[in-house]
């Protein structure tokens, strides 16, 4: 939603709370006024969390769509509208970041699966292959040194970044990177051996 020129409607003089009340009544001009006031703040927060301009723009659009849909859930006694908007922005940005990480992780795991199993199966065969793959990955993980297994599990199953893992374990980032690199290399070799 692009910023608009405030018309002579009196909306610029209304409080945020009154704008929310109008949005609940489906007043699009009130949503536009709220957008004009807070779009740059929402964008800045989203950019800081996601680190990507395009993703921040998507989050910003998502936030105002969410405001339009859930304005009735805002409680005046709970705090200021700006705090509510910041909360929505943080949650949307973090959810978007996690979703992108999950998709990247799934693509990587799919790549590992494709390297070791036939992808042209269907139905029951595919389910059996998926189950066999899970068992093979679990068996291969069990054969890794505990520190490498822990780092891989935190990254791939816990959704954590290398920096988050290092912080949680109290280890240097370089150590975590090395554990992941060595662990994934050993995991590939173990899976290759199991697939033969």
Protein backbone atom coordinates (compact mmCIF):
# COMPACT_ATOMS: atom_id res chain seq x y z
CA UNK A 1 0.00 0.00 0.00
CA UNK A 2 1.72 3.22 -1.11
CA UNK A 3 1.75 6.28 1.12
CA UNK A 4 -1.09 8.57 0.17
CA UNK A 5 -1.70 12.27 0.44
CA UNK A 6 -3.89 13.03 3.44
CA UNK A 7 -7.14 14.45 2.23
CA UNK A 8 -9.14 17.05 4.07
CA UNK A 9 -10.92 14.32 6.06
CA UNK A 10 -9.64 15.15 9.51
CA UNK A 11 -7.93 11.73 9.78
CA UNK A 12 -4.47 13.23 10.42
CA UNK A 13 -5.87 14.84 13.56
CA UNK A 14 -7.27 11.60 15.01
CA UNK A 15 -5.47 9.52 17.62
CA UNK A 16 -4.17 6.07 16.71
CA UNK A 17 -6.88 4.54 18.87
CA UNK A 18 -9.64 6.32 16.95
CA UNK A 19 -8.08 5.20 13.68
CA UNK A 20 -8.20 1.59 14.93
CA UNK A 21 -11.89 2.06 15.79
CA UNK A 22 -12.50 3.27 12.22
CA UNK A 23 -10.52 0.35 10.78
CA UNK A 24 -12.76 -2.03 12.74
CA UNK A 25 -15.64 -0.36 10.86
CA UNK A 26 -13.76 -1.13 7.58
CA UNK A 27 -12.66 2.45 6.90
CA UNK A 28 -9.86 2.08 4.33
CA UNK A 29 -8.84 5.74 4.64
CA UNK A 30 -8.16 5.17 8.36
CA UNK A 31 -5.90 2.24 7.48
CA UNK A 32 -4.13 4.47 4.95
CA UNK A 33 -3.56 7.11 7.64
CA UNK A 34 -2.17 4.50 10.04
CA UNK A 35 0.06 3.26 7.22
CA UNK A 36 1.35 6.78 6.58
CA UNK A 37 2.22 7.13 10.26
CA UNK A 38 3.93 3.78 10.83
CA UNK A 39 5.03 2.20 7.53
CA UNK A 40 8.60 3.45 7.84
CA UNK A 41 8.86 2.19 11.44
CA UNK A 42 7.43 -1.21 10.49
CA UNK A 43 9.81 -1.45 7.54
CA UNK A 44 12.84 -0.51 9.67
CA UNK A 45 12.03 -3.15 12.30
CA UNK A 46 11.36 -5.82 9.66
CA UNK A 47 14.60 -4.96 7.84
CA UNK A 48 16.59 -5.15 11.05
CA UNK A 49 15.19 -8.60 11.86
CA UNK A 50 15.25 -10.12 8.36
CA UNK A 51 18.29 -8.33 6.93
CA UNK A 52 16.68 -8.32 3.49
CA UNK A 53 14.86 -5.38 1.83
CA UNK A 54 12.45 -7.48 -0.21
CA UNK A 55 11.53 -9.62 2.78
CA UNK A 56 11.08 -6.49 4.91
CA UNK A 57 8.69 -5.08 2.31
CA UNK A 58 6.72 -8.34 2.33
CA UNK A 59 6.56 -8.26 6.13
CA UNK A 60 5.41 -4.64 6.05
CA UNK A 61 2.54 -5.48 3.69
CA UNK A 62 1.70 -8.49 5.84
CA UNK A 63 1.59 -6.36 8.99
CA UNK A 64 -0.90 -3.87 7.57
CA UNK A 65 -3.01 -6.68 6.11
CA UNK A 66 -3.01 -8.22 9.60
CA UNK A 67 -4.03 -4.90 11.16
CA UNK A 68 -6.93 -4.66 8.70
CA UNK A 69 -8.07 -8.18 9.58
CA UNK A 70 -7.52 -8.13 13.35
CA UNK A 71 -8.07 -4.51 14.41
CA UNK A 72 -11.07 -5.68 16.43
CA UNK A 73 -8.67 -7.62 18.65
CA UNK A 74 -6.83 -4.49 19.78
CA UNK A 75 -7.63 -3.60 23.39
CA UNK A 76 -7.19 0.07 24.30
CA UNK A 77 -6.40 -0.80 27.91
CA UNK A 78 -3.57 -3.12 26.82
CA UNK A 79 -1.29 -0.31 25.67
CA UNK A 80 -0.54 2.04 22.83
CA UNK A 81 -1.34 1.21 19.21
CA UNK A 82 2.31 1.68 18.24
CA UNK A 83 3.34 -1.02 20.73
CA UNK A 84 0.73 -3.36 19.27
CA UNK A 85 2.01 -2.65 15.74
CA UNK A 86 5.63 -3.23 16.80
CA UNK A 87 4.62 -6.56 18.36
CA UNK A 88 2.85 -7.68 15.18
CA UNK A 89 5.89 -6.62 13.14
CA UNK A 90 8.35 -8.56 15.31
CA UNK A 91 6.22 -11.71 15.19
CA UNK A 92 5.67 -11.51 11.42
CA UNK A 93 9.35 -10.85 10.70
CA UNK A 94 10.53 -13.69 12.94
CA UNK A 95 7.93 -16.08 11.49
CA UNK A 96 9.01 -15.13 7.97
CA UNK A 97 12.67 -15.68 8.82
CA UNK A 98 11.94 -19.09 10.37
CA UNK A 99 9.83 -20.07 7.39
CA UNK A 100 12.62 -19.17 4.96
CA UNK A 101 15.15 -21.13 7.03
CA UNK A 102 12.82 -24.13 7.09
CA UNK A 103 12.37 -24.01 3.31
CA UNK A 104 16.14 -23.79 2.82
CA UNK A 105 16.67 -26.71 5.20
CA UNK A 106 14.04 -28.77 3.37
CA UNK A 107 15.69 -28.02 0.03
CA UNK A 108 19.02 -29.17 1.42
CA UNK A 109 17.53 -32.35 2.89
CA UNK A 110 15.71 -33.00 -0.39
CA UNK A 111 19.07 -32.68 -2.13
CA UNK A 112 20.57 -35.27 0.21
CA UNK A 113 17.60 -37.58 -0.40
CA UNK A 114 17.93 -37.20 -4.17
CA UNK A 115 21.59 -38.12 -3.98
CA UNK A 116 20.95 -41.41 -2.20
CA UNK A 117 17.47 -42.62 -3.15
CA UNK A 118 15.51 -43.00 -6.34
CA UNK A 119 13.15 -40.01 -6.71
CA UNK A 120 10.81 -41.62 -9.29
CA UNK A 121 8.79 -43.70 -6.86
CA UNK A 122 5.15 -43.07 -6.05
CA UNK A 123 2.60 -43.84 -3.36
CA UNK A 124 3.52 -46.60 -0.96
CA UNK A 125 7.02 -46.97 -2.40
CA UNK A 126 7.71 -43.29 -1.77
CA UNK A 127 6.45 -43.57 1.83
CA UNK A 128 8.70 -46.58 2.39
CA UNK A 129 11.67 -44.74 0.91
CA UNK A 130 10.98 -41.71 3.12
CA UNK A 131 10.82 -43.95 6.18
CA UNK A 132 14.03 -45.70 5.12
CA UNK A 133 15.69 -42.32 4.60
CA UNK A 134 14.67 -41.12 8.06
CA UNK A 135 16.04 -44.31 9.59
CA UNK A 136 19.25 -43.99 7.59
CA UNK A 137 19.71 -40.36 8.67
CA UNK A 138 19.04 -41.28 12.32
CA UNK A 139 21.52 -44.17 12.12
CA UNK A 140 24.13 -41.94 10.47
CA UNK A 141 23.59 -39.20 13.07
CA UNK A 142 24.05 -41.75 15.86
CA UNK A 143 27.49 -42.61 14.42
CA UNK A 144 28.71 -39.00 14.55
CA UNK A 145 30.77 -37.65 17.45
CA UNK A 146 28.33 -36.17 20.03
CA UNK A 147 29.46 -32.55 19.52
CA UNK A 148 28.96 -32.74 15.74
CA UNK A 149 25.60 -34.51 16.12
CA UNK A 150 24.45 -31.86 18.61
CA UNK A 151 25.39 -28.99 16.29
CA UNK A 152 23.61 -30.61 13.32
CA UNK A 153 20.48 -31.35 15.34
CA UNK A 154 20.34 -27.79 16.68
CA UNK A 155 20.73 -26.38 13.16
CA UNK A 156 18.46 -28.70 11.21
CA UNK A 157 15.87 -29.80 13.73
CA UNK A 158 16.02 -26.81 16.07
CA UNK A 159 16.08 -24.19 13.33
CA UNK A 160 18.99 -22.33 14.90
CA UNK A 161 21.65 -20.32 13.10
CA UNK A 162 25.34 -21.00 13.65
CA UNK A 163 25.57 -17.85 15.77
CA UNK A 164 22.60 -18.94 17.92
CA UNK A 165 24.16 -22.38 18.42
CA UNK A 166 27.49 -20.85 19.43
CA UNK A 167 25.78 -18.55 21.91
CA UNK A 168 23.64 -21.31 23.42
CA UNK A 169 26.58 -23.70 23.79
CA UNK A 170 29.03 -21.00 24.89
CA UNK A 171 31.42 -21.98 22.10
CA UNK A 172 33.28 -19.82 19.56
CA UNK A 173 31.45 -19.40 16.25
CA UNK A 174 34.41 -20.90 14.35
CA UNK A 175 34.18 -24.06 16.46
CA UNK A 176 30.49 -24.45 15.62
CA UNK A 177 31.14 -23.88 11.91
CA UNK A 178 33.85 -26.53 11.96
CA UNK A 179 31.62 -29.03 13.80
CA UNK A 180 28.83 -28.50 11.29
CA UNK A 181 31.13 -28.77 8.29
CA UNK A 182 32.85 -31.93 9.56
CA UNK A 183 29.57 -33.43 10.79
CA UNK A 184 27.79 -32.87 7.47
CA UNK A 185 30.76 -34.27 5.58
CA UNK A 186 30.76 -37.42 7.74
CA UNK A 187 26.98 -37.63 7.48
CA UNK A 188 27.18 -37.60 3.68
CA UNK A 189 29.81 -40.36 3.73
CA UNK A 190 27.76 -42.46 6.17
CA UNK A 191 24.61 -42.04 4.06
CA UNK A 192 26.54 -42.90 0.90
CA UNK A 193 27.79 -46.09 2.60
CA UNK A 194 24.28 -47.00 3.79
CA UNK A 195 22.82 -46.42 0.32
CA UNK A 196 25.28 -48.80 -1.36
